[in-house]
Amino acid sequence: MLVLSRRTNQAIHIGDDIVLTVLSVRGDQVRLGIQAPDEVTVLRDELVVSVAEENAAAAATVIDVAGLPRGGR
């Protein structure tokens, strides 16, 4: 992991198309501006984790679509 220090209005370039800019810092909260092409998906980590957990729970759910008791009879 690369760790950088930036001040308000300073930016970080990722590749040729993505720019992260520090908009403000208040206490323990940092506001970031992200410029990226439309085809690049930008998601918060907690959203990615939540969706992954929901998908795992859904995949583990057994649905009896035939209405038969387990065992098939």
PDB file of N, CA and C in Angstrom:
ATOM      1  N   MET A   1       0.845  -1.173   0.000  1.00  0.00           N
ATOM      2  CA  MET A   1       0.000   0.000   0.000  1.00  0.00           C
ATOM      3  C   MET A   1       0.890   1.236   0.000  1.00  0.00           C
ATOM      4  N   LEU A   2       0.576   2.153  -0.868  1.00  0.00           N
ATOM      5  CA  LEU A   2       1.280   3.430  -0.918  1.00  0.00           C
ATOM      6  C   LEU A   2       0.569   4.402   0.021  1.00  0.00           C
ATOM      7  N   VAL A   3       1.295   5.038   0.896  1.00  0.00           N
ATOM      8  CA  VAL A   3       0.720   6.007   1.840  1.00  0.00           C
ATOM      9  C   VAL A   3       1.301   7.374   1.522  1.00  0.00           C
ATOM     10  N   LEU A   4       0.429   8.343   1.257  1.00  0.00           N
ATOM     11  CA  LEU A   4       0.848   9.699   0.920  1.00  0.00           C
ATOM     12  C   LEU A   4       0.175  10.701   1.843  1.00  0.00           C
ATOM     13  N   SER A   5       0.849  11.799   2.089  1.00  0.00           N
ATOM     14  CA  SER A   5       0.251  12.911   2.826  1.00  0.00           C
ATOM     15  C   SER A   5      -0.105  13.996   1.822  1.00  0.00           C
ATOM     16  N   ARG A   6      -1.283  14.548   1.939  1.00  0.00           N
ATOM     17  CA  ARG A   6      -1.743  15.620   1.059  1.00  0.00           C
ATOM     18  C   ARG A   6      -2.447  16.659   1.910  1.00  0.00           C
ATOM     19  N   ARG A   7      -2.405  17.882   1.452  1.00  0.00           N
ATOM     20  CA  ARG A   7      -3.135  18.973   2.100  1.00  0.00           C
ATOM     21  C   ARG A   7      -4.343  19.312   1.246  1.00  0.00           C
ATOM     22  N   THR A   8      -5.234  20.130   1.799  1.00  0.00           N
ATOM     23  CA  THR A   8      -6.425  20.558   1.063  1.00  0.00           C
ATOM     24  C   THR A   8      -6.035  21.137  -0.291  1.00  0.00           C
ATOM     25  N   ASN A   9      -6.783  20.759  -1.309  1.00  0.00           N
ATOM     26  CA  ASN A   9      -6.601  21.165  -2.710  1.00  0.00           C
ATOM     27  C   ASN A   9      -5.407  20.515  -3.402  1.00  0.00           C
ATOM     28  N   GLN A  10      -4.704  19.615  -2.722  1.00  0.00           N
ATOM     29  CA  GLN A  10      -3.648  18.859  -3.388  1.00  0.00           C
ATOM     30  C   GLN A  10      -4.259  17.579  -3.950  1.00  0.00           C
ATOM     31  N   ALA A  11      -3.666  17.060  -5.025  1.00  0.00           N
ATOM     32  CA  ALA A  11      -4.249  15.927  -5.733  1.00  0.00           C
ATOM     33  C   ALA A  11      -3.250  14.790  -5.899  1.00  0.00           C
ATOM     34  N   ILE A  12      -3.806  13.640  -6.235  1.00  0.00           N
ATOM     35  CA  ILE A  12      -3.038  12.445  -6.564  1.00  0.00           C
ATOM     36  C   ILE A  12      -3.582  11.943  -7.899  1.00  0.00           C
ATOM     37  N   HIS A  13      -2.698  11.633  -8.841  1.00  0.00           N
ATOM     38  CA  HIS A  13      -3.096  11.102 -10.143  1.00  0.00           C
ATOM     39  C   HIS A  13      -2.883   9.589 -10.134  1.00  0.00           C
ATOM     40  N   ILE A  14      -3.883   8.865 -10.610  1.00  0.00           N
ATOM     41  CA  ILE A  14      -3.788   7.412 -10.752  1.00  0.00           C
ATOM     42  C   ILE A  14      -3.920   7.114 -12.238  1.00  0.00           C
ATOM     43  N   GLY A  15      -2.854   6.659 -12.826  1.00  0.00           N
ATOM     44  CA  GLY A  15      -2.852   6.451 -14.275  1.00  0.00           C
ATOM     45  C   GLY A  15      -3.020   7.782 -14.986  1.00  0.00           C
ATOM     46  N   ASP A  16      -3.583   7.714 -16.192  1.00  0.00           N
ATOM     47  CA  ASP A  16      -3.778   8.928 -16.986  1.00  0.00           C
ATOM     48  C   ASP A  16      -5.152   9.561 -16.783  1.00  0.00           C
ATOM     49  N   ASP A  17      -6.095   8.809 -16.196  1.00  0.00           N
ATOM     50  CA  ASP A  17      -7.488   9.247 -16.222  1.00  0.00           C
ATOM     51  C   ASP A  17      -8.135   9.517 -14.872  1.00  0.00           C
ATOM     52  N   ILE A  18      -7.470   9.209 -13.769  1.00  0.00           N
ATOM     53  CA  ILE A  18      -8.114   9.338 -12.454  1.00  0.00           C
ATOM     54  C   ILE A  18      -7.336  10.327 -11.600  1.00  0.00           C
ATOM     55  N   VAL A  19      -8.077  11.277 -11.004  1.00  0.00           N
ATOM     56  CA  VAL A  19      -7.471  12.280 -10.123  1.00  0.00           C
ATOM     57  C   VAL A  19      -8.256  12.311  -8.818  1.00  0.00           C
ATOM     58  N   LEU A  20      -7.558  12.132  -7.700  1.00  0.00           N
ATOM     59  CA  LEU A  20      -8.143  12.265  -6.363  1.00  0.00           C
ATOM     60  C   LEU A  20      -7.669  13.588  -5.787  1.00  0.00           C
ATOM     61  N   THR A  21      -8.610  14.411  -5.339  1.00  0.00           N
ATOM     62  CA  THR A  21      -8.271  15.709  -4.773  1.00  0.00           C
ATOM     63  C   THR A  21      -8.812  15.796  -3.353  1.00  0.00           C
ATOM     64  N   VAL A  22      -7.985  16.235  -2.415  1.00  0.00           N
ATOM     65  CA  VAL A  22      -8.430  16.463  -1.044  1.00  0.00           C
ATOM     66  C   VAL A  22      -9.194  17.783  -1.032  1.00  0.00           C
ATOM     67  N   LEU A  23     -10.496  17.716  -0.749  1.00  0.00           N
ATOM     68  CA  LEU A  23     -11.325  18.917  -0.736  1.00  0.00           C
ATOM     69  C   LEU A  23     -11.305  19.610   0.619  1.00  0.00           C
ATOM     70  N   SER A  24     -11.344  18.810   1.688  1.00  0.00           N
ATOM     71  CA  SER A  24     -11.288  19.404   3.027  1.00  0.00           C
ATOM     72  C   SER A  24     -10.945  18.330   4.049  1.00  0.00           C
ATOM     73  N   VAL A  25     -10.441  18.794   5.193  1.00  0.00           N
ATOM     74  CA  VAL A  25     -10.144  17.919   6.318  1.00  0.00           C
ATOM     75  C   VAL A  25     -10.717  18.589   7.556  1.00  0.00           C
ATOM     76  N   ARG A  26     -11.612  17.860   8.254  1.00  0.00           N
ATOM     77  CA  ARG A  26     -12.204  18.371   9.500  1.00  0.00           C
ATOM     78  C   ARG A  26     -12.146  17.264  10.528  1.00  0.00           C
ATOM     79  N   GLY A  27     -11.330  17.433  11.529  1.00  0.00           N
ATOM     80  CA  GLY A  27     -11.187  16.390  12.551  1.00  0.00           C
ATOM     81  C   GLY A  27     -10.696  15.111  11.919  1.00  0.00           C
ATOM     82  N   ASP A  28     -11.476  14.025  12.088  1.00  0.00           N
ATOM     83  CA  ASP A  28     -11.074  12.740  11.516  1.00  0.00           C
ATOM     84  C   ASP A  28     -11.788  12.436  10.203  1.00  0.00           C
ATOM     85  N   GLN A  29     -12.385  13.453   9.594  1.00  0.00           N
ATOM     86  CA  GLN A  29     -13.109  13.258   8.337  1.00  0.00           C
ATOM     87  C   GLN A  29     -12.404  13.987   7.192  1.00  0.00           C
ATOM     88  N   VAL A  30     -12.217  13.273   6.099  1.00  0.00           N
ATOM     89  CA  VAL A  30     -11.566  13.824   4.912  1.00  0.00           C
ATOM     90  C   VAL A  30     -12.569  13.761   3.762  1.00  0.00           C
ATOM     91  N   ARG A  31     -12.756  14.872   3.057  1.00  0.00           N
ATOM     92  CA  ARG A  31     -13.614  14.891   1.867  1.00  0.00           C
ATOM     93  C   ARG A  31     -12.718  14.822   0.641  1.00  0.00           C
ATOM     94  N   LEU A  32     -13.008  13.839  -0.210  1.00  0.00           N
ATOM     95  CA  LEU A  32     -12.230  13.634  -1.423  1.00  0.00           C
ATOM     96  C   LEU A  32     -13.090  13.900  -2.647  1.00  0.00           C
ATOM     97  N   GLY A  33     -12.482  14.501  -3.659  1.00  0.00           N
ATOM     98  CA  GLY A  33     -13.118  14.632  -4.963  1.00  0.00           C
ATOM     99  C   GLY A  33     -12.451  13.633  -5.893  1.00  0.00           C
ATOM    100  N   ILE A  34     -13.251  12.912  -6.677  1.00  0.00           N
ATOM    101  CA  ILE A  34     -12.714  11.900  -7.572  1.00  0.00           C
ATOM    102  C   ILE A  34     -13.142  12.219  -8.995  1.00  0.00           C
ATOM    103  N   GLN A  35     -12.169  12.427  -9.864  1.00  0.00           N
ATOM    104  CA  GLN A  35     -12.435  12.609 -11.293  1.00  0.00           C
ATOM    105  C   GLN A  35     -11.997  11.324 -11.981  1.00  0.00           C
ATOM    106  N   ALA A  36     -12.965  10.667 -12.631  1.00  0.00           N
ATOM    107  CA  ALA A  36     -12.664   9.419 -13.327  1.00  0.00           C
ATOM    108  C   ALA A  36     -13.584   9.303 -14.533  1.00  0.00           C
ATOM    109  N   PRO A  37     -13.153   8.568 -15.552  1.00  0.00           N
ATOM    110  CA  PRO A  37     -14.024   8.367 -16.713  1.00  0.00           C
ATOM    111  C   PRO A  37     -15.321   7.667 -16.303  1.00  0.00           C
ATOM    112  N   ASP A  38     -16.382   7.864 -17.063  1.00  0.00           N
ATOM    113  CA  ASP A  38     -17.683   7.267 -16.752  1.00  0.00           C
ATOM    114  C   ASP A  38     -17.631   5.753 -16.669  1.00  0.00           C
ATOM    115  N   GLU A  39     -16.744   5.128 -17.439  1.00  0.00           N
ATOM    116  CA  GLU A  39     -16.693   3.666 -17.442  1.00  0.00           C
ATOM    117  C   GLU A  39     -15.969   3.087 -16.227  1.00  0.00           C
ATOM    118  N   VAL A  40     -15.399   3.934 -15.374  1.00  0.00           N
ATOM    119  CA  VAL A  40     -14.730   3.478 -14.160  1.00  0.00           C
ATOM    120  C   VAL A  40     -15.731   3.537 -13.009  1.00  0.00           C
ATOM    121  N   THR A  41     -15.941   2.387 -12.366  1.00  0.00           N
ATOM    122  CA  THR A  41     -16.852   2.319 -11.225  1.00  0.00           C
ATOM    123  C   THR A  41     -16.110   2.755  -9.968  1.00  0.00           C
ATOM    124  N   VAL A  42     -16.707   3.675  -9.218  1.00  0.00           N
ATOM    125  CA  VAL A  42     -16.128   4.146  -7.963  1.00  0.00           C
ATOM    126  C   VAL A  42     -17.136   3.850  -6.861  1.00  0.00           C
ATOM    127  N   LEU A  43     -16.761   2.983  -5.916  1.00  0.00           N
ATOM    128  CA  LEU A  43     -17.655   2.581  -4.836  1.00  0.00           C
ATOM    129  C   LEU A  43     -16.958   2.725  -3.492  1.00  0.00           C
ATOM    130  N   ARG A  44     -17.740   3.057  -2.461  1.00  0.00           N
ATOM    131  CA  ARG A  44     -17.215   3.079  -1.092  1.00  0.00           C
ATOM    132  C   ARG A  44     -16.973   1.638  -0.647  1.00  0.00           C
ATOM    133  N   ASP A  45     -15.929   1.416   0.122  1.00  0.00           N
ATOM    134  CA  ASP A  45     -15.562   0.083   0.578  1.00  0.00           C
ATOM    135  C   ASP A  45     -16.698  -0.590   1.342  1.00  0.00           C
ATOM    136  N   GLU A  46     -17.375   0.140   2.231  1.00  0.00           N
ATOM    137  CA  GLU A  46     -18.432  -0.471   3.032  1.00  0.00           C
ATOM    138  C   GLU A  46     -19.590  -0.957   2.161  1.00  0.00           C
ATOM    139  N   LEU A  47     -19.823  -0.319   1.019  1.00  0.00           N
ATOM    140  CA  LEU A  47     -20.860  -0.768   0.095  1.00  0.00           C
ATOM    141  C   LEU A  47     -20.441  -2.071  -0.585  1.00  0.00           C
ATOM    142  N   VAL A  48     -19.206  -2.159  -1.009  1.00  0.00           N
ATOM    143  CA  VAL A  48     -18.693  -3.382  -1.639  1.00  0.00           C
ATOM    144  C   VAL A  48     -18.776  -4.553  -0.660  1.00  0.00           C
ATOM    145  N   VAL A  49     -18.379  -4.339   0.583  1.00  0.00           N
ATOM    146  CA  VAL A  49     -18.422  -5.393   1.601  1.00  0.00           C
ATOM    147  C   VAL A  49     -19.860  -5.815   1.864  1.00  0.00           C
ATOM    148  N   SER A  50     -20.771  -4.872   1.994  1.00  0.00           N
ATOM    149  CA  SER A  50     -22.176  -5.171   2.258  1.00  0.00           C
ATOM    150  C   SER A  50     -22.798  -6.000   1.139  1.00  0.00           C
ATOM    151  N   VAL A  51     -22.546  -5.628  -0.101  1.00  0.00           N
ATOM    152  CA  VAL A  51     -23.089  -6.367  -1.243  1.00  0.00           C
ATOM    153  C   VAL A  51     -22.509  -7.777  -1.284  1.00  0.00           C
ATOM    154  N   ALA A  52     -21.216  -7.914  -1.015  1.00  0.00           N
ATOM    155  CA  ALA A  52     -20.581  -9.238  -1.003  1.00  0.00           C
ATOM    156  C   ALA A  52     -21.200 -10.122   0.072  1.00  0.00           C
ATOM    157  N   GLU A  53     -21.463  -9.560   1.249  1.00  0.00           N
ATOM    158  CA  GLU A  53     -22.082 -10.337   2.337  1.00  0.00           C
ATOM    159  C   GLU A  53     -23.505 -10.748   1.971  1.00  0.00           C
ATOM    160  N   GLU A  54     -24.275  -9.834   1.365  1.00  0.00           N
ATOM    161  CA  GLU A  54     -25.638 -10.169   0.942  1.00  0.00           C
ATOM    162  C   GLU A  54     -25.629 -11.249  -0.135  1.00  0.00           C
ATOM    163  N   ASN A  55     -24.692 -11.164  -1.078  1.00  0.00           N
ATOM    164  CA  ASN A  55     -24.599 -12.179  -2.125  1.00  0.00           C
ATOM    165  C   ASN A  55     -24.245 -13.543  -1.546  1.00  0.00           C
ATOM    166  N   ALA A  56     -23.339 -13.576  -0.584  1.00  0.00           N
ATOM    167  CA  ALA A  56     -22.954 -14.834   0.048  1.00  0.00           C
ATOM    168  C   ALA A  56     -24.138 -15.433   0.804  1.00  0.00           C
ATOM    169  N   ALA A  57     -24.907 -14.596   1.502  1.00  0.00           N
ATOM    170  CA  ALA A  57     -26.079 -15.086   2.234  1.00  0.00           C
ATOM    171  C   ALA A  57     -27.136 -15.615   1.270  1.00  0.00           C
ATOM    172  N   ALA A  58     -27.343 -14.924   0.170  1.00  0.00           N
ATOM    173  CA  ALA A  58     -28.331 -15.370  -0.818  1.00  0.00           C
ATOM    174  C   ALA A  58     -27.900 -16.680  -1.462  1.00  0.00           C
ATOM    175  N   ALA A  59     -26.615 -16.843  -1.721  1.00  0.00           N
ATOM    176  CA  ALA A  59     -26.115 -18.067  -2.337  1.00  0.00           C
ATOM    177  C   ALA A  59     -26.243 -19.256  -1.392  1.00  0.00           C
ATOM    178  N   ALA A  60     -26.224 -19.002  -0.088  1.00  0.00           N
ATOM    179  CA  ALA A  60     -26.316 -20.076   0.902  1.00  0.00           C
ATOM    180  C   ALA A  60     -27.762 -20.446   1.221  1.00  0.00           C
ATOM    181  N   THR A  61     -28.736 -19.682   0.746  1.00  0.00           N
ATOM    182  CA  THR A  61     -30.142 -19.929   1.029  1.00  0.00           C
ATOM    183  C   THR A  61     -30.668 -21.054   0.145  1.00  0.00           C
ATOM    184  N   VAL A  62     -31.349 -22.031   0.762  1.00  0.00           N
ATOM    185  CA  VAL A  62     -31.948 -23.140   0.030  1.00  0.00           C
ATOM    186  C   VAL A  62     -33.411 -22.805  -0.219  1.00  0.00           C
ATOM    187  N   ILE A  63     -33.812 -22.851  -1.482  1.00  0.00           N
ATOM    188  CA  ILE A  63     -35.195 -22.571  -1.849  1.00  0.00           C
ATOM    189  C   ILE A  63     -35.795 -23.838  -2.441  1.00  0.00           C
ATOM    190  N   ASP A  64     -36.911 -24.276  -1.877  1.00  0.00           N
ATOM    191  CA  ASP A  64     -37.599 -25.463  -2.371  1.00  0.00           C
ATOM    192  C   ASP A  64     -38.691 -24.998  -3.326  1.00  0.00           C
ATOM    193  N   VAL A  65     -38.361 -24.929  -4.612  1.00  0.00           N
ATOM    194  CA  VAL A  65     -39.306 -24.403  -5.593  1.00  0.00           C
ATOM    195  C   VAL A  65     -40.405 -25.392  -5.933  1.00  0.00           C
ATOM    196  N   ALA A  66     -40.206 -26.695  -5.668  1.00  0.00           N
ATOM    197  CA  ALA A  66     -41.218 -27.693  -5.991  1.00  0.00           C
ATOM    198  C   ALA A  66     -42.204 -27.898  -4.851  1.00  0.00           C
ATOM    199  N   GLY A  67     -41.912 -27.354  -3.688  1.00  0.00           N
ATOM    200  CA  GLY A  67     -42.798 -27.516  -2.547  1.00  0.00           C
ATOM    201  C   GLY A  67     -42.721 -28.908  -1.943  1.00  0.00           C
ATOM    202  N   LEU A  68     -41.698 -29.655  -2.294  1.00  0.00           N
ATOM    203  CA  LEU A  68     -41.533 -31.010  -1.774  1.00  0.00           C
ATOM    204  C   LEU A  68     -40.703 -30.988  -0.509  1.00  0.00           C
ATOM    205  N   PRO A  69     -40.971 -31.906   0.395  1.00  0.00           N
ATOM    206  CA  PRO A  69     -40.114 -31.993   1.580  1.00  0.00           C
ATOM    207  C   PRO A  69     -38.709 -32.378   1.164  1.00  0.00           C
ATOM    208  N   ARG A  70     -37.731 -32.027   1.973  1.00  0.00           N
ATOM    209  CA  ARG A  70     -36.365 -32.422   1.671  1.00  0.00           C
ATOM    210  C   ARG A  70     -36.293 -33.927   1.541  1.00  0.00           C
ATOM    211  N   GLY A  71     -35.548 -34.382   0.587  1.00  0.00           N
ATOM    212  CA  GLY A  71     -35.463 -35.803   0.299  1.00  0.00           C
ATOM    213  C   GLY A  71     -36.177 -36.099  -1.011  1.00  0.00           C
ATOM    214  N   GLY A  72     -36.986 -35.173  -1.496  1.00  0.00           N
ATOM    215  CA  GLY A  72     -37.581 -35.272  -2.814  1.00  0.00           C
ATOM    216  C   GLY A  72     -38.862 -36.052  -2.926  1.00  0.00           C
ATOM    217  N   ARG A  73     -39.474 -36.502  -1.838  1.00  0.00           N
ATOM    218  CA  ARG A  73     -40.727 -37.271  -1.951  1.00  0.00           C
ATOM    219  C   ARG A  73     -41.893 -36.518  -1.399  1.00  0.00           C
TER     220      ARG A  73
END
